Amino acid sequence: QVQLVESGGGLVQAGGSLRLSCAASGRIFSRYTMGWFRQAPGKEREFVAIMDWSGGSRYYADSVKDRFTISRDNAKNTVYLQMNTLKPEDTAVYYCAASRSTSIRPTDFDSWGQGTQVTVSS
């Protein structure tokens, strides 16, 4: 498994930006699909974005498309989520996850970080 630690969450006003980072250690990070998921209070964990190991394939949830960008630096074992034009409905705990397959299903991800809180005020 890969050990993951997220950072970069916080409180921001609507329309603002945040960049989340996820530092990985353990097994070969560069061979894993990396994903970001989020969970708001009382809701199920939902897919936000994934990027395959090569960076050639990226997928986004419709709710964040054109506002969020996932990227990775395999040399630094780090994946990022740049979040722009944030909305109050983006408020959630954001989780970084790793998978050996290219999937958007949380059940296909076997390594998870502890999560970082993102709060967007209106």
C-alpha atoms as a PDB file:
ATOM      1  CA  GLN A   1       0.000   0.000   0.000  1.00  0.00           C
ATOM      2  CA  VAL A   2       0.861   3.657  -0.320  1.00  0.00           C
ATOM      3  CA  GLN A   3       0.814   5.988   2.666  1.00  0.00           C
ATOM      4  CA  LEU A   4      -0.861   9.321   1.899  1.00  0.00           C
ATOM      5  CA  VAL A   5      -0.925  12.636   3.749  1.00  0.00           C
ATOM      6  CA  GLU A   6      -3.056  15.542   2.541  1.00  0.00           C
ATOM      7  CA  SER A   7      -2.505  19.218   3.247  1.00  0.00           C
ATOM      8  CA  GLY A   8      -3.706  22.598   2.038  1.00  0.00           C
ATOM      9  CA  GLY A   9      -7.279  22.680   3.213  1.00  0.00           C
ATOM     10  CA  GLY A  10      -8.786  25.664   4.965  1.00  0.00           C
ATOM     11  CA  LEU A  11     -11.455  28.342   4.978  1.00  0.00           C
ATOM     12  CA  VAL A  12     -11.951  30.422   1.842  1.00  0.00           C
ATOM     13  CA  GLN A  13     -14.630  32.758   0.535  1.00  0.00           C
ATOM     14  CA  ALA A  14     -16.771  31.805  -2.436  1.00  0.00           C
ATOM     15  CA  GLY A  15     -14.929  32.533  -5.660  1.00  0.00           C
ATOM     16  CA  GLY A  16     -11.557  31.932  -4.065  1.00  0.00           C
ATOM     17  CA  SER A  17      -8.934  29.261  -4.664  1.00  0.00           C
ATOM     18  CA  LEU A  18      -7.086  26.580  -2.741  1.00  0.00           C
ATOM     19  CA  ARG A  19      -4.474  24.020  -3.701  1.00  0.00           C
ATOM     20  CA  LEU A  20      -4.486  20.673  -1.966  1.00  0.00           C
ATOM     21  CA  SER A  21      -1.392  18.511  -1.852  1.00  0.00           C
ATOM     22  CA  CYS A  22      -1.030  14.826  -1.156  1.00  0.00           C
ATOM     23  CA  ALA A  23       2.379  13.417  -0.292  1.00  0.00           C
ATOM     24  CA  ALA A  24       2.852   9.701  -0.850  1.00  0.00           C
ATOM     25  CA  SER A  25       5.326   7.204   0.505  1.00  0.00           C
ATOM     26  CA  GLY A  26       5.701   3.469   0.412  1.00  0.00           C
ATOM     27  CA  ARG A  27       5.241   1.470  -2.769  1.00  0.00           C
ATOM     28  CA  ILE A  28       5.986   2.775  -6.236  1.00  0.00           C
ATOM     29  CA  PHE A  29       3.865   5.916  -6.365  1.00  0.00           C
ATOM     30  CA  SER A  30       4.430   6.487 -10.050  1.00  0.00           C
ATOM     31  CA  ARG A  31       2.529   3.301 -10.979  1.00  0.00           C
ATOM     32  CA  TYR A  32      -0.663   4.229  -9.140  1.00  0.00           C
ATOM     33  CA  THR A  33      -3.724   6.064 -10.337  1.00  0.00           C
ATOM     34  CA  MET A  34      -4.256   8.927  -7.923  1.00  0.00           C
ATOM     35  CA  GLY A  35      -7.608  10.359  -7.045  1.00  0.00           C
ATOM     36  CA  TRP A  36      -9.345  13.010  -5.010  1.00  0.00           C
ATOM     37  CA  PHE A  37     -12.666  12.352  -3.349  1.00  0.00           C
ATOM     38  CA  ARG A  38     -14.746  14.400  -0.958  1.00  0.00           C
ATOM     39  CA  GLN A  39     -17.377  13.839   1.686  1.00  0.00           C
ATOM     40  CA  ALA A  40     -19.752  16.468   2.986  1.00  0.00           C
ATOM     41  CA  PRO A  41     -21.644  16.029   6.285  1.00  0.00           C
ATOM     42  CA  GLY A  42     -24.492  13.572   5.899  1.00  0.00           C
ATOM     43  CA  LYS A  43     -23.471  12.616   2.374  1.00  0.00           C
ATOM     44  CA  GLU A  44     -21.618   9.740   0.807  1.00  0.00           C
ATOM     45  CA  ARG A  45     -18.041  10.028  -0.310  1.00  0.00           C
ATOM     46  CA  GLU A  46     -17.964  11.194  -3.926  1.00  0.00           C
ATOM     47  CA  PHE A  47     -15.483  11.212  -6.759  1.00  0.00           C
ATOM     48  CA  VAL A  48     -13.851  14.530  -7.602  1.00  0.00           C
ATOM     49  CA  ALA A  49     -10.935  13.805  -9.954  1.00  0.00           C
ATOM     50  CA  ILE A  50      -8.448  11.110 -10.917  1.00  0.00           C
ATOM     51  CA  MET A  51      -5.235  10.970 -12.900  1.00  0.00           C
ATOM     52  CA  ASP A  52      -3.609   7.790 -14.148  1.00  0.00           C
ATOM     53  CA  TRP A  53       0.022   6.963 -13.444  1.00  0.00           C
ATOM     54  CA  SER A  54       1.314   8.491 -16.677  1.00  0.00           C
ATOM     55  CA  GLY A  55      -0.734  11.652 -16.418  1.00  0.00           C
ATOM     56  CA  GLY A  56      -2.213  10.943 -19.818  1.00  0.00           C
ATOM     57  CA  SER A  57      -5.744  10.414 -18.555  1.00  0.00           C
ATOM     58  CA  ARG A  58      -7.628  12.715 -16.234  1.00  0.00           C
ATOM     59  CA  TYR A  59     -11.270  12.532 -15.287  1.00  0.00           C
ATOM     60  CA  TYR A  60     -13.376  15.023 -13.370  1.00  0.00           C
ATOM     61  CA  ALA A  61     -16.785  15.041 -11.784  1.00  0.00           C
ATOM     62  CA  ASP A  62     -19.172  17.261 -13.715  1.00  0.00           C
ATOM     63  CA  SER A  63     -19.603  19.463 -10.649  1.00  0.00           C
ATOM     64  CA  VAL A  64     -15.931  20.470 -10.651  1.00  0.00           C
ATOM     65  CA  LYS A  65     -15.037  20.323 -14.334  1.00  0.00           C
ATOM     66  CA  ASP A  66     -13.399  23.538 -15.592  1.00  0.00           C
ATOM     67  CA  ARG A  67     -12.816  24.697 -11.999  1.00  0.00           C
ATOM     68  CA  PHE A  68     -10.556  22.022 -10.530  1.00  0.00           C
ATOM     69  CA  THR A  69      -7.311  20.625 -11.944  1.00  0.00           C
ATOM     70  CA  ILE A  70      -5.534  17.476 -10.820  1.00  0.00           C
ATOM     71  CA  SER A  71      -1.813  17.130 -11.401  1.00  0.00           C
ATOM     72  CA  ARG A  72       1.044  15.015 -10.128  1.00  0.00           C
ATOM     73  CA  ASP A  73       4.787  15.183  -9.751  1.00  0.00           C
ATOM     74  CA  ASN A  74       6.100  11.632  -9.701  1.00  0.00           C
ATOM     75  CA  ALA A  75       9.595  12.835  -8.838  1.00  0.00           C
ATOM     76  CA  LYS A  76       8.198  14.363  -5.641  1.00  0.00           C
ATOM     77  CA  ASN A  77       5.654  11.585  -5.004  1.00  0.00           C
ATOM     78  CA  THR A  78       2.976  14.246  -4.769  1.00  0.00           C
ATOM     79  CA  VAL A  79      -0.433  14.804  -6.311  1.00  0.00           C
ATOM     80  CA  TYR A  80      -2.210  18.148  -6.303  1.00  0.00           C
ATOM     81  CA  LEU A  81      -5.731  19.458  -6.657  1.00  0.00           C
ATOM     82  CA  GLN A  82      -5.976  23.072  -7.734  1.00  0.00           C
ATOM     83  CA  MET A  83      -9.430  24.364  -6.890  1.00  0.00           C
ATOM     84  CA  ASN A  84     -10.599  27.636  -8.408  1.00  0.00           C
ATOM     85  CA  THR A  85     -13.887  29.511  -8.294  1.00  0.00           C
ATOM     86  CA  LEU A  86     -14.861  27.663  -5.159  1.00  0.00           C
ATOM     87  CA  LYS A  87     -18.511  27.450  -4.181  1.00  0.00           C
ATOM     88  CA  PRO A  88     -20.154  26.807  -0.801  1.00  0.00           C
ATOM     89  CA  GLU A  89     -21.271  23.400  -2.097  1.00  0.00           C
ATOM     90  CA  ASP A  90     -17.603  22.430  -2.432  1.00  0.00           C
ATOM     91  CA  THR A  91     -17.391  22.379   1.361  1.00  0.00           C
ATOM     92  CA  ALA A  92     -16.307  18.893   2.422  1.00  0.00           C
ATOM     93  CA  VAL A  93     -13.473  16.799   3.730  1.00  0.00           C
ATOM     94  CA  TYR A  94     -11.210  16.050   0.789  1.00  0.00           C
ATOM     95  CA  TYR A  95      -9.399  12.742   0.592  1.00  0.00           C
ATOM     96  CA  CYS A  96      -6.483  11.639  -1.526  1.00  0.00           C
ATOM     97  CA  ALA A  97      -6.460   7.998  -2.620  1.00  0.00           C
ATOM     98  CA  ALA A  98      -4.371   5.565  -4.652  1.00  0.00           C
ATOM     99  CA  SER A  99      -5.468   2.722  -6.897  1.00  0.00           C
ATOM    100  CA  ARG A 100      -3.768   0.109  -9.051  1.00  0.00           C
ATOM    101  CA  SER A 101      -6.530   0.503 -11.630  1.00  0.00           C
ATOM    102  CA  THR A 102      -7.942   3.491 -13.490  1.00  0.00           C
ATOM    103  CA  SER A 103     -11.286   3.891 -11.811  1.00  0.00           C
ATOM    104  CA  ILE A 104     -13.526   6.525 -10.268  1.00  0.00           C
ATOM    105  CA  ARG A 105     -15.119   4.137  -7.781  1.00  0.00           C
ATOM    106  CA  PRO A 106     -13.985   4.660  -4.184  1.00  0.00           C
ATOM    107  CA  THR A 107     -14.065   0.899  -3.643  1.00  0.00           C
ATOM    108  CA  ASP A 108     -11.280   0.467  -6.211  1.00  0.00           C
ATOM    109  CA  PHE A 109      -8.925   2.636  -4.155  1.00  0.00           C
ATOM    110  CA  ASP A 110      -7.036   0.731  -1.482  1.00  0.00           C
ATOM    111  CA  SER A 111      -4.960   3.516   0.070  1.00  0.00           C
ATOM    112  CA  TRP A 112      -6.466   6.655   1.619  1.00  0.00           C
ATOM    113  CA  GLY A 113      -5.213   9.728   3.378  1.00  0.00           C
ATOM    114  CA  GLN A 114      -6.720  11.095   6.568  1.00  0.00           C
ATOM    115  CA  GLY A 115      -8.522  13.924   4.766  1.00  0.00           C
ATOM    116  CA  THR A 116      -8.309  17.697   4.857  1.00  0.00           C
ATOM    117  CA  GLN A 117     -11.212  20.046   5.521  1.00  0.00           C
ATOM    118  CA  VAL A 118     -12.207  22.587   2.904  1.00  0.00           C
ATOM    119  CA  THR A 119     -14.811  25.160   3.930  1.00  0.00           C
ATOM    120  CA  VAL A 120     -16.170  27.708   1.472  1.00  0.00           C
ATOM    121  CA  SER A 121     -18.125  30.579   2.944  1.00  0.00           C
ATOM    122  CA  SER A 122     -20.780  32.462   1.000  1.00  0.00           C
END
